[in-house]
ModelCIF file with pLDDT and N, C-alpha, C, O atoms, coordinates in Angstrom:
data_MODEL
#
_entry.id   MODEL 
#
_entity.id                         1 
_entity.type                       polymer 
_entity.pdbx_number_of_molecules   1 
#
_entity_poly.entity_id                      1 
_entity_poly.type                           'polypeptide(L)' 
_entity_poly.nstd_linkage                   no 
_entity_poly.nstd_monomer                   no 
_entity_poly.pdbx_seq_one_letter_code       
;(UNK)(UNK)(UNK)(UNK)(UNK)(UNK)(UNK)(UNK)(UNK)(UNK)(UNK)(UNK)(UNK)(UNK)(UNK)(UNK)
(UNK)(UNK)(UNK)(UNK)(UNK)(UNK)(UNK)(UNK)(UNK)(UNK)(UNK)(UNK)(UNK)(UNK)(UNK)(UNK)
(UNK)(UNK)(UNK)(UNK)(UNK)(UNK)(UNK)(UNK)(UNK)(UNK)(UNK)(UNK)(UNK)(UNK)(UNK)
;
_entity_poly.pdbx_seq_one_letter_code_can   XXXXXXXXXXXXXXXXXXXXXXXXXXXXXXXXXXXXXXXXXXXXXXX 
_entity_poly.pdbx_strand_id                 A 
#
loop_
_entity_poly_seq.entity_id 
_entity_poly_seq.num 
_entity_poly_seq.mon_id 
_entity_poly_seq.hetero 
1 1  UNK n 
1 2  UNK n 
1 3  UNK n 
1 4  UNK n 
1 5  UNK n 
1 6  UNK n 
1 7  UNK n 
1 8  UNK n 
1 9  UNK n 
1 10 UNK n 
1 11 UNK n 
1 12 UNK n 
1 13 UNK n 
1 14 UNK n 
1 15 UNK n 
1 16 UNK n 
1 17 UNK n 
1 18 UNK n 
1 19 UNK n 
1 20 UNK n 
1 21 UNK n 
1 22 UNK n 
1 23 UNK n 
1 24 UNK n 
1 25 UNK n 
1 26 UNK n 
1 27 UNK n 
1 28 UNK n 
1 29 UNK n 
1 30 UNK n 
1 31 UNK n 
1 32 UNK n 
1 33 UNK n 
1 34 UNK n 
1 35 UNK n 
1 36 UNK n 
1 37 UNK n 
1 38 UNK n 
1 39 UNK n 
1 40 UNK n 
1 41 UNK n 
1 42 UNK n 
1 43 UNK n 
1 44 UNK n 
1 45 UNK n 
1 46 UNK n 
1 47 UNK n 
#
_struct_asym.id          A 
_struct_asym.entity_id   1 
#
loop_
_ma_qa_metric.id 
_ma_qa_metric.mode 
_ma_qa_metric.name 
_ma_qa_metric.software_group_id 
_ma_qa_metric.type 
1 global pLDDT . pLDDT 
2 local  pLDDT . pLDDT 
#
_ma_qa_metric_global.metric_id      1 
_ma_qa_metric_global.metric_value   91.23 
_ma_qa_metric_global.model_id       1 
_ma_qa_metric_global.ordinal_id     1 
#
loop_
_ma_qa_metric_local.label_asym_id 
_ma_qa_metric_local.label_comp_id 
_ma_qa_metric_local.label_seq_id 
_ma_qa_metric_local.metric_id 
_ma_qa_metric_local.metric_value 
_ma_qa_metric_local.model_id 
_ma_qa_metric_local.ordinal_id 
A UNK 1  2 74.00 1 1  
A UNK 2  2 86.00 1 2  
A UNK 3  2 91.00 1 3  
A UNK 4  2 91.00 1 4  
A UNK 5  2 94.00 1 5  
A UNK 6  2 93.00 1 6  
A UNK 7  2 93.00 1 7  
A UNK 8  2 92.00 1 8  
A UNK 9  2 86.00 1 9  
A UNK 10 2 85.00 1 10 
A UNK 11 2 87.00 1 11 
A UNK 12 2 89.00 1 12 
A UNK 13 2 93.00 1 13 
A UNK 14 2 94.00 1 14 
A UNK 15 2 96.00 1 15 
A UNK 16 2 95.00 1 16 
A UNK 17 2 96.00 1 17 
A UNK 18 2 96.00 1 18 
A UNK 19 2 95.00 1 19 
A UNK 20 2 95.00 1 20 
A UNK 21 2 94.00 1 21 
A UNK 22 2 94.00 1 22 
A UNK 23 2 93.00 1 23 
A UNK 24 2 93.00 1 24 
A UNK 25 2 93.00 1 25 
A UNK 26 2 92.00 1 26 
A UNK 27 2 92.00 1 27 
A UNK 28 2 93.00 1 28 
A UNK 29 2 94.00 1 29 
A UNK 30 2 95.00 1 30 
A UNK 31 2 92.00 1 31 
A UNK 32 2 94.00 1 32 
A UNK 33 2 92.00 1 33 
A UNK 34 2 92.00 1 34 
A UNK 35 2 91.00 1 35 
A UNK 36 2 88.00 1 36 
A UNK 37 2 90.00 1 37 
A UNK 38 2 93.00 1 38 
A UNK 39 2 91.00 1 39 
A UNK 40 2 90.00 1 40 
A UNK 41 2 92.00 1 41 
A UNK 42 2 90.00 1 42 
A UNK 43 2 88.00 1 43 
A UNK 44 2 90.00 1 44 
A UNK 45 2 90.00 1 45 
A UNK 46 2 87.00 1 46 
A UNK 47 2 84.00 1 47 
#
loop_
_atom_site.group_PDB 
_atom_site.id 
_atom_site.type_symbol 
_atom_site.label_atom_id 
_atom_site.label_alt_id 
_atom_site.label_comp_id 
_atom_site.label_asym_id 
_atom_site.label_entity_id 
_atom_site.label_seq_id 
_atom_site.pdbx_PDB_ins_code 
_atom_site.Cartn_x 
_atom_site.Cartn_y 
_atom_site.Cartn_z 
_atom_site.occupancy 
_atom_site.B_iso_or_equiv 
_atom_site.pdbx_formal_charge 
_atom_site.auth_seq_id 
_atom_site.auth_comp_id 
_atom_site.auth_asym_id 
_atom_site.auth_atom_id 
_atom_site.pdbx_PDB_model_num 
ATOM 1   N N  . UNK A 1 1  ? 0.926  -1.385 0.071  1.00 74.00 ? 1  UNK A N  1 
ATOM 2   C CA . UNK A 1 1  ? -0.054 -0.086 -0.060 1.00 74.00 ? 1  UNK A CA 1 
ATOM 3   C C  . UNK A 1 1  ? 0.775  1.384  0.162  1.00 74.00 ? 1  UNK A C  1 
ATOM 4   O O  . UNK A 1 1  ? 1.791  1.537  0.840  1.00 74.00 ? 1  UNK A O  1 
ATOM 5   N N  . UNK A 1 2  ? 0.224  2.159  -0.418 1.00 86.00 ? 2  UNK A N  1 
ATOM 6   C CA . UNK A 1 2  ? 0.906  3.653  -0.550 1.00 86.00 ? 2  UNK A CA 1 
ATOM 7   C C  . UNK A 1 2  ? 0.738  4.338  0.818  1.00 86.00 ? 2  UNK A C  1 
ATOM 8   O O  . UNK A 1 2  ? -0.430 4.296  1.204  1.00 86.00 ? 2  UNK A O  1 
ATOM 9   N N  . UNK A 1 3  ? 1.495  4.889  1.562  1.00 91.00 ? 3  UNK A N  1 
ATOM 10  C CA . UNK A 1 3  ? 1.218  5.549  2.827  1.00 91.00 ? 3  UNK A CA 1 
ATOM 11  C C  . UNK A 1 3  ? 0.915  7.191  2.581  1.00 91.00 ? 3  UNK A C  1 
ATOM 12  O O  . UNK A 1 3  ? 1.694  7.930  1.979  1.00 91.00 ? 3  UNK A O  1 
ATOM 13  N N  . UNK A 1 4  ? -0.143 7.540  3.064  1.00 91.00 ? 4  UNK A N  1 
ATOM 14  C CA . UNK A 1 4  ? -0.310 9.140  2.977  1.00 91.00 ? 4  UNK A CA 1 
ATOM 15  C C  . UNK A 1 4  ? -0.004 9.650  4.302  1.00 91.00 ? 4  UNK A C  1 
ATOM 16  O O  . UNK A 1 4  ? -0.599 9.176  5.270  1.00 91.00 ? 4  UNK A O  1 
ATOM 17  N N  . UNK A 1 5  ? 0.898  10.605 4.454  1.00 94.00 ? 5  UNK A N  1 
ATOM 18  C CA . UNK A 1 5  ? 1.329  11.229 5.810  1.00 94.00 ? 5  UNK A CA 1 
ATOM 19  C C  . UNK A 1 5  ? 0.794  12.653 5.649  1.00 94.00 ? 5  UNK A C  1 
ATOM 20  O O  . UNK A 1 5  ? 1.282  13.324 4.739  1.00 94.00 ? 5  UNK A O  1 
ATOM 21  N N  . UNK A 1 6  ? -0.037 13.127 6.331  1.00 93.00 ? 6  UNK A N  1 
ATOM 22  C CA . UNK A 1 6  ? -0.426 14.363 6.455  1.00 93.00 ? 6  UNK A CA 1 
ATOM 23  C C  . UNK A 1 6  ? 0.390  15.135 7.695  1.00 93.00 ? 6  UNK A C  1 
ATOM 24  O O  . UNK A 1 6  ? 0.264  14.869 8.890  1.00 93.00 ? 6  UNK A O  1 
ATOM 25  N N  . UNK A 1 7  ? 1.174  16.058 7.169  1.00 93.00 ? 7  UNK A N  1 
ATOM 26  C CA . UNK A 1 7  ? 2.146  16.536 8.035  1.00 93.00 ? 7  UNK A CA 1 
ATOM 27  C C  . UNK A 1 7  ? 1.761  18.183 7.881  1.00 93.00 ? 7  UNK A C  1 
ATOM 28  O O  . UNK A 1 7  ? 2.477  18.816 7.104  1.00 93.00 ? 7  UNK A O  1 
ATOM 29  N N  . UNK A 1 8  ? 0.770  18.849 8.514  1.00 92.00 ? 8  UNK A N  1 
ATOM 30  C CA . UNK A 1 8  ? 0.642  20.256 8.386  1.00 92.00 ? 8  UNK A CA 1 
ATOM 31  C C  . UNK A 1 8  ? 1.480  20.823 9.439  1.00 92.00 ? 8  UNK A C  1 
ATOM 32  O O  . UNK A 1 8  ? 2.020  20.111 10.286 1.00 92.00 ? 8  UNK A O  1 
ATOM 33  N N  . UNK A 1 9  ? 1.597  22.083 9.399  1.00 86.00 ? 9  UNK A N  1 
ATOM 34  C CA . UNK A 1 9  ? 2.500  22.956 10.217 1.00 86.00 ? 9  UNK A CA 1 
ATOM 35  C C  . UNK A 1 9  ? 2.004  22.613 11.660 1.00 86.00 ? 9  UNK A C  1 
ATOM 36  O O  . UNK A 1 9  ? 0.927  22.070 11.907 1.00 86.00 ? 9  UNK A O  1 
ATOM 37  N N  . UNK A 1 10 ? 3.028  23.043 12.666 1.00 85.00 ? 10 UNK A N  1 
ATOM 38  C CA . UNK A 1 10 ? 2.724  23.094 14.106 1.00 85.00 ? 10 UNK A CA 1 
ATOM 39  C C  . UNK A 1 10 ? 3.408  21.966 14.830 1.00 85.00 ? 10 UNK A C  1 
ATOM 40  O O  . UNK A 1 10 ? 3.901  21.062 14.155 1.00 85.00 ? 10 UNK A O  1 
ATOM 41  N N  . UNK A 1 11 ? 3.483  21.936 16.169 1.00 87.00 ? 11 UNK A N  1 
ATOM 42  C CA . UNK A 1 11 ? 4.393  21.027 16.845 1.00 87.00 ? 11 UNK A CA 1 
ATOM 43  C C  . UNK A 1 11 ? 4.392  19.519 16.522 1.00 87.00 ? 11 UNK A C  1 
ATOM 44  O O  . UNK A 1 11 ? 5.418  18.892 16.784 1.00 87.00 ? 11 UNK A O  1 
ATOM 45  N N  . UNK A 1 12 ? 3.392  18.910 16.004 1.00 89.00 ? 12 UNK A N  1 
ATOM 46  C CA . UNK A 1 12 ? 3.474  17.643 15.537 1.00 89.00 ? 12 UNK A CA 1 
ATOM 47  C C  . UNK A 1 12 ? 4.312  17.479 14.198 1.00 89.00 ? 12 UNK A C  1 
ATOM 48  O O  . UNK A 1 12 ? 4.783  16.361 13.987 1.00 89.00 ? 12 UNK A O  1 
ATOM 49  N N  . UNK A 1 13 ? 4.503  18.315 13.433 1.00 93.00 ? 13 UNK A N  1 
ATOM 50  C CA . UNK A 1 13 ? 5.066  18.016 12.187 1.00 93.00 ? 13 UNK A CA 1 
ATOM 51  C C  . UNK A 1 13 ? 6.346  17.235 12.011 1.00 93.00 ? 13 UNK A C  1 
ATOM 52  O O  . UNK A 1 13 ? 6.556  16.420 11.112 1.00 93.00 ? 13 UNK A O  1 
ATOM 53  N N  . UNK A 1 14 ? 7.280  17.626 13.096 1.00 94.00 ? 14 UNK A N  1 
ATOM 54  C CA . UNK A 1 14 ? 8.622  17.152 13.080 1.00 94.00 ? 14 UNK A CA 1 
ATOM 55  C C  . UNK A 1 14 ? 8.528  15.512 13.154 1.00 94.00 ? 14 UNK A C  1 
ATOM 56  O O  . UNK A 1 14 ? 9.117  14.727 12.411 1.00 94.00 ? 14 UNK A O  1 
ATOM 57  N N  . UNK A 1 15 ? 7.700  15.214 14.163 1.00 96.00 ? 15 UNK A N  1 
ATOM 58  C CA . UNK A 1 15 ? 7.407  13.667 14.277 1.00 96.00 ? 15 UNK A CA 1 
ATOM 59  C C  . UNK A 1 15 ? 7.010  13.077 13.141 1.00 96.00 ? 15 UNK A C  1 
ATOM 60  O O  . UNK A 1 15 ? 7.548  12.055 12.715 1.00 96.00 ? 15 UNK A O  1 
ATOM 61  N N  . UNK A 1 16 ? 6.025  13.682 12.554 1.00 95.00 ? 16 UNK A N  1 
ATOM 62  C CA . UNK A 1 16 ? 5.261  13.273 11.113 1.00 95.00 ? 16 UNK A CA 1 
ATOM 63  C C  . UNK A 1 16 ? 6.325  13.075 10.054 1.00 95.00 ? 16 UNK A C  1 
ATOM 64  O O  . UNK A 1 16 ? 6.522  12.057 9.390  1.00 95.00 ? 16 UNK A O  1 
ATOM 65  N N  . UNK A 1 17 ? 7.020  14.304 10.011 1.00 96.00 ? 17 UNK A N  1 
ATOM 66  C CA . UNK A 1 17 ? 8.173  14.051 8.908  1.00 96.00 ? 17 UNK A CA 1 
ATOM 67  C C  . UNK A 1 17 ? 9.170  12.924 9.014  1.00 96.00 ? 17 UNK A C  1 
ATOM 68  O O  . UNK A 1 17 ? 9.595  12.253 8.073  1.00 96.00 ? 17 UNK A O  1 
ATOM 69  N N  . UNK A 1 18 ? 9.504  12.802 10.367 1.00 96.00 ? 18 UNK A N  1 
ATOM 70  C CA . UNK A 1 18 ? 10.429 11.683 10.830 1.00 96.00 ? 18 UNK A CA 1 
ATOM 71  C C  . UNK A 1 18 ? 10.008 10.401 10.359 1.00 96.00 ? 18 UNK A C  1 
ATOM 72  O O  . UNK A 1 18 ? 10.737 9.612  9.758  1.00 96.00 ? 18 UNK A O  1 
ATOM 73  N N  . UNK A 1 19 ? 8.421  10.164 10.747 1.00 95.00 ? 19 UNK A N  1 
ATOM 74  C CA . UNK A 1 19 ? 8.159  8.863  10.538 1.00 95.00 ? 19 UNK A CA 1 
ATOM 75  C C  . UNK A 1 19 ? 7.741  8.637  9.056  1.00 95.00 ? 19 UNK A C  1 
ATOM 76  O O  . UNK A 1 19 ? 7.529  7.472  8.718  1.00 95.00 ? 19 UNK A O  1 
ATOM 77  N N  . UNK A 1 20 ? 7.612  9.563  8.201  1.00 95.00 ? 20 UNK A N  1 
ATOM 78  C CA . UNK A 1 20 ? 7.559  9.752  6.757  1.00 95.00 ? 20 UNK A CA 1 
ATOM 79  C C  . UNK A 1 20 ? 8.999  9.167  6.227  1.00 95.00 ? 20 UNK A C  1 
ATOM 80  O O  . UNK A 1 20 ? 9.087  8.218  5.447  1.00 95.00 ? 20 UNK A O  1 
ATOM 81  N N  . UNK A 1 21 ? 9.927  9.764  6.683  1.00 94.00 ? 21 UNK A N  1 
ATOM 82  C CA . UNK A 1 21 ? 11.481 9.466  6.176  1.00 94.00 ? 21 UNK A CA 1 
ATOM 83  C C  . UNK A 1 21 ? 11.693 8.095  6.771  1.00 94.00 ? 21 UNK A C  1 
ATOM 84  O O  . UNK A 1 21 ? 12.455 7.396  6.105  1.00 94.00 ? 21 UNK A O  1 
ATOM 85  N N  . UNK A 1 22 ? 11.176 7.511  7.923  1.00 94.00 ? 22 UNK A N  1 
ATOM 86  C CA . UNK A 1 22 ? 11.759 6.076  8.371  1.00 94.00 ? 22 UNK A CA 1 
ATOM 87  C C  . UNK A 1 22 ? 10.876 5.079  7.316  1.00 94.00 ? 22 UNK A C  1 
ATOM 88  O O  . UNK A 1 22 ? 11.417 4.128  6.752  1.00 94.00 ? 22 UNK A O  1 
ATOM 89  N N  . UNK A 1 23 ? 9.566  5.393  7.143  1.00 93.00 ? 23 UNK A N  1 
ATOM 90  C CA . UNK A 1 23 ? 8.930  4.497  6.067  1.00 93.00 ? 23 UNK A CA 1 
ATOM 91  C C  . UNK A 1 23 ? 9.551  4.469  4.751  1.00 93.00 ? 23 UNK A C  1 
ATOM 92  O O  . UNK A 1 23 ? 9.727  3.457  4.074  1.00 93.00 ? 23 UNK A O  1 
ATOM 93  N N  . UNK A 1 24 ? 9.914  5.842  4.396  1.00 93.00 ? 24 UNK A N  1 
ATOM 94  C CA . UNK A 1 24 ? 10.615 5.502  2.945  1.00 93.00 ? 24 UNK A CA 1 
ATOM 95  C C  . UNK A 1 24 ? 11.907 4.731  3.047  1.00 93.00 ? 24 UNK A C  1 
ATOM 96  O O  . UNK A 1 24 ? 12.257 3.928  2.183  1.00 93.00 ? 24 UNK A O  1 
ATOM 97  N N  . UNK A 1 25 ? 12.597 5.000  4.122  1.00 93.00 ? 25 UNK A N  1 
ATOM 98  C CA . UNK A 1 25 ? 13.904 4.239  4.212  1.00 93.00 ? 25 UNK A CA 1 
ATOM 99  C C  . UNK A 1 25 ? 13.775 2.712  4.280  1.00 93.00 ? 25 UNK A C  1 
ATOM 100 O O  . UNK A 1 25 ? 14.632 1.927  3.874  1.00 93.00 ? 25 UNK A O  1 
ATOM 101 N N  . UNK A 1 26 ? 12.558 2.373  4.862  1.00 92.00 ? 26 UNK A N  1 
ATOM 102 C CA . UNK A 1 26 ? 12.145 0.919  4.804  1.00 92.00 ? 26 UNK A CA 1 
ATOM 103 C C  . UNK A 1 26 ? 11.481 0.269  3.562  1.00 92.00 ? 26 UNK A C  1 
ATOM 104 O O  . UNK A 1 26 ? 11.067 -0.890 3.526  1.00 92.00 ? 26 UNK A O  1 
ATOM 105 N N  . UNK A 1 27 ? 11.428 1.245  2.461  1.00 92.00 ? 27 UNK A N  1 
ATOM 106 C CA . UNK A 1 27 ? 10.878 0.714  1.345  1.00 92.00 ? 27 UNK A CA 1 
ATOM 107 C C  . UNK A 1 27 ? 9.525  1.178  0.902  1.00 92.00 ? 27 UNK A C  1 
ATOM 108 O O  . UNK A 1 27 ? 9.130  1.081  -0.260 1.00 92.00 ? 27 UNK A O  1 
ATOM 109 N N  . UNK A 1 28 ? 8.824  1.696  1.910  1.00 93.00 ? 28 UNK A N  1 
ATOM 110 C CA . UNK A 1 28 ? 7.318  2.153  1.475  1.00 93.00 ? 28 UNK A CA 1 
ATOM 111 C C  . UNK A 1 28 ? 7.376  3.447  0.473  1.00 93.00 ? 28 UNK A C  1 
ATOM 112 O O  . UNK A 1 28 ? 8.162  4.387  0.358  1.00 93.00 ? 28 UNK A O  1 
ATOM 113 N N  . UNK A 1 29 ? 6.361  3.115  -0.092 1.00 94.00 ? 29 UNK A N  1 
ATOM 114 C CA . UNK A 1 29 ? 5.978  4.397  -1.043 1.00 94.00 ? 29 UNK A CA 1 
ATOM 115 C C  . UNK A 1 29 ? 5.326  5.198  -0.390 1.00 94.00 ? 29 UNK A C  1 
ATOM 116 O O  . UNK A 1 29 ? 4.218  4.761  -0.078 1.00 94.00 ? 29 UNK A O  1 
ATOM 117 N N  . UNK A 1 30 ? 5.624  6.539  0.067  1.00 95.00 ? 30 UNK A N  1 
ATOM 118 C CA . UNK A 1 30 ? 5.056  7.567  0.709  1.00 95.00 ? 30 UNK A CA 1 
ATOM 119 C C  . UNK A 1 30 ? 4.644  8.696  0.149  1.00 95.00 ? 30 UNK A C  1 
ATOM 120 O O  . UNK A 1 30 ? 5.525  9.341  -0.418 1.00 95.00 ? 30 UNK A O  1 
ATOM 121 N N  . UNK A 1 31 ? 3.534  9.142  0.139  1.00 92.00 ? 31 UNK A N  1 
ATOM 122 C CA . UNK A 1 31 ? 3.093  10.462 -0.304 1.00 92.00 ? 31 UNK A CA 1 
ATOM 123 C C  . UNK A 1 31 ? 2.847  11.462 0.881  1.00 92.00 ? 31 UNK A C  1 
ATOM 124 O O  . UNK A 1 31 ? 1.831  11.405 1.573  1.00 92.00 ? 31 UNK A O  1 
ATOM 125 N N  . UNK A 1 32 ? 3.820  12.356 1.062  1.00 94.00 ? 32 UNK A N  1 
ATOM 126 C CA . UNK A 1 32 ? 3.588  13.409 1.997  1.00 94.00 ? 32 UNK A CA 1 
ATOM 127 C C  . UNK A 1 32 ? 3.060  14.489 1.713  1.00 94.00 ? 32 UNK A C  1 
ATOM 128 O O  . UNK A 1 32 ? 3.469  15.131 0.746  1.00 94.00 ? 32 UNK A O  1 
ATOM 129 N N  . UNK A 1 33 ? 1.911  14.984 2.587  1.00 92.00 ? 33 UNK A N  1 
ATOM 130 C CA . UNK A 1 33 ? 1.101  15.997 2.336  1.00 92.00 ? 33 UNK A CA 1 
ATOM 131 C C  . UNK A 1 33 ? 1.346  17.056 3.308  1.00 92.00 ? 33 UNK A C  1 
ATOM 132 O O  . UNK A 1 33 ? 0.799  16.996 4.410  1.00 92.00 ? 33 UNK A O  1 
ATOM 133 N N  . UNK A 1 34 ? 2.279  18.218 2.933  1.00 92.00 ? 34 UNK A N  1 
ATOM 134 C CA . UNK A 1 34 ? 2.815  19.120 3.966  1.00 92.00 ? 34 UNK A CA 1 
ATOM 135 C C  . UNK A 1 34 ? 2.681  20.451 3.348  1.00 92.00 ? 34 UNK A C  1 
ATOM 136 O O  . UNK A 1 34 ? 2.126  20.571 2.256  1.00 92.00 ? 34 UNK A O  1 
ATOM 137 N N  . UNK A 1 35 ? 3.221  21.583 4.073  1.00 91.00 ? 35 UNK A N  1 
ATOM 138 C CA . UNK A 1 35 ? 3.265  23.153 3.493  1.00 91.00 ? 35 UNK A CA 1 
ATOM 139 C C  . UNK A 1 35 ? 4.175  22.808 2.376  1.00 91.00 ? 35 UNK A C  1 
ATOM 140 O O  . UNK A 1 35 ? 4.868  21.793 2.315  1.00 91.00 ? 35 UNK A O  1 
ATOM 141 N N  . UNK A 1 36 ? 4.096  23.834 1.428  1.00 88.00 ? 36 UNK A N  1 
ATOM 142 C CA . UNK A 1 36 ? 4.968  23.885 0.275  1.00 88.00 ? 36 UNK A CA 1 
ATOM 143 C C  . UNK A 1 36 ? 6.467  24.486 0.894  1.00 88.00 ? 36 UNK A C  1 
ATOM 144 O O  . UNK A 1 36 ? 6.610  25.348 1.761  1.00 88.00 ? 36 UNK A O  1 
ATOM 145 N N  . UNK A 1 37 ? 7.288  23.900 0.315  1.00 90.00 ? 37 UNK A N  1 
ATOM 146 C CA . UNK A 1 37 ? 8.849  24.057 0.863  1.00 90.00 ? 37 UNK A CA 1 
ATOM 147 C C  . UNK A 1 37 ? 9.281  23.010 1.848  1.00 90.00 ? 37 UNK A C  1 
ATOM 148 O O  . UNK A 1 37 ? 10.488 22.968 2.088  1.00 90.00 ? 37 UNK A O  1 
ATOM 149 N N  . UNK A 1 38 ? 8.525  22.197 2.429  1.00 93.00 ? 38 UNK A N  1 
ATOM 150 C CA . UNK A 1 38 ? 8.959  21.061 3.296  1.00 93.00 ? 38 UNK A CA 1 
ATOM 151 C C  . UNK A 1 38 ? 9.711  19.922 2.370  1.00 93.00 ? 38 UNK A C  1 
ATOM 152 O O  . UNK A 1 38 ? 9.156  19.329 1.445  1.00 93.00 ? 38 UNK A O  1 
ATOM 153 N N  . UNK A 1 39 ? 10.772 19.771 2.697  1.00 91.00 ? 39 UNK A N  1 
ATOM 154 C CA . UNK A 1 39 ? 11.549 18.814 1.984  1.00 91.00 ? 39 UNK A CA 1 
ATOM 155 C C  . UNK A 1 39 ? 10.688 17.641 1.854  1.00 91.00 ? 39 UNK A C  1 
ATOM 156 O O  . UNK A 1 39 ? 9.865  17.455 2.750  1.00 91.00 ? 39 UNK A O  1 
ATOM 157 N N  . UNK A 1 40 ? 10.759 16.721 0.757  1.00 90.00 ? 40 UNK A N  1 
ATOM 158 C CA . UNK A 1 40 ? 10.047 15.481 0.636  1.00 90.00 ? 40 UNK A CA 1 
ATOM 159 C C  . UNK A 1 40 ? 8.439  15.720 0.423  1.00 90.00 ? 40 UNK A C  1 
ATOM 160 O O  . UNK A 1 40 ? 7.659  14.770 0.353  1.00 90.00 ? 40 UNK A O  1 
ATOM 161 N N  . UNK A 1 41 ? 8.109  16.817 0.346  1.00 92.00 ? 41 UNK A N  1 
ATOM 162 C CA . UNK A 1 41 ? 6.517  17.265 0.299  1.00 92.00 ? 41 UNK A CA 1 
ATOM 163 C C  . UNK A 1 41 ? 6.227  16.729 -1.273 1.00 92.00 ? 41 UNK A C  1 
ATOM 164 O O  . UNK A 1 41 ? 6.904  16.967 -2.273 1.00 92.00 ? 41 UNK A O  1 
ATOM 165 N N  . UNK A 1 42 ? 5.198  16.059 -1.177 1.00 90.00 ? 42 UNK A N  1 
ATOM 166 C CA . UNK A 1 42 ? 4.572  15.490 -2.691 1.00 90.00 ? 42 UNK A CA 1 
ATOM 167 C C  . UNK A 1 42 ? 3.153  16.134 -2.853 1.00 90.00 ? 42 UNK A C  1 
ATOM 168 O O  . UNK A 1 42 ? 2.758  16.382 -3.992 1.00 90.00 ? 42 UNK A O  1 
ATOM 169 N N  . UNK A 1 43 ? 2.485  16.374 -1.930 1.00 88.00 ? 43 UNK A N  1 
ATOM 170 C CA . UNK A 1 43 ? 1.082  17.092 -2.064 1.00 88.00 ? 43 UNK A CA 1 
ATOM 171 C C  . UNK A 1 43 ? 1.152  18.286 -1.203 1.00 88.00 ? 43 UNK A C  1 
ATOM 172 O O  . UNK A 1 43 ? 1.050  18.170 0.019  1.00 88.00 ? 43 UNK A O  1 
ATOM 173 N N  . UNK A 1 44 ? 1.329  19.474 -1.801 1.00 90.00 ? 44 UNK A N  1 
ATOM 174 C CA . UNK A 1 44 ? 1.453  20.682 -1.036 1.00 90.00 ? 44 UNK A CA 1 
ATOM 175 C C  . UNK A 1 44 ? 0.049  21.011 -0.361 1.00 90.00 ? 44 UNK A C  1 
ATOM 176 O O  . UNK A 1 44 ? -1.031 20.813 -0.917 1.00 90.00 ? 44 UNK A O  1 
ATOM 177 N N  . UNK A 1 45 ? 0.204  21.503 0.828  1.00 90.00 ? 45 UNK A N  1 
ATOM 178 C CA . UNK A 1 45 ? -1.055 22.059 1.717  1.00 90.00 ? 45 UNK A CA 1 
ATOM 179 C C  . UNK A 1 45 ? -0.977 23.449 1.666  1.00 90.00 ? 45 UNK A C  1 
ATOM 180 O O  . UNK A 1 45 ? 0.064  24.090 1.808  1.00 90.00 ? 45 UNK A O  1 
ATOM 181 N N  . UNK A 1 46 ? -2.105 23.918 1.458  1.00 87.00 ? 46 UNK A N  1 
ATOM 182 C CA . UNK A 1 46 ? -2.046 25.640 1.610  1.00 87.00 ? 46 UNK A CA 1 
ATOM 183 C C  . UNK A 1 46 ? -1.563 26.206 2.950  1.00 87.00 ? 46 UNK A C  1 
ATOM 184 O O  . UNK A 1 46 ? -1.635 25.579 4.007  1.00 87.00 ? 46 UNK A O  1 
ATOM 185 N N  . UNK A 1 47 ? -1.070 27.429 2.819  1.00 84.00 ? 47 UNK A N  1 
ATOM 186 C CA . UNK A 1 47 ? -0.803 28.060 4.238  1.00 84.00 ? 47 UNK A CA 1 
ATOM 187 C C  . UNK A 1 47 ? -2.133 28.839 4.541  1.00 84.00 ? 47 UNK A C  1 
ATOM 188 O O  . UNK A 1 47 ? -2.259 29.459 5.597  1.00 84.00 ? 47 UNK A O  1 
#
């Protein structure tokens, strides 16, 4: 399955980005929804 990670701005974002990176390192296909400019963002969220 493809993993969709919603990582909007805020205090939880760092942990979500870390989780997305770990999943990618383990071979998962990850779609990262985050604010534009966030490294690895596939689906930009509006400000």
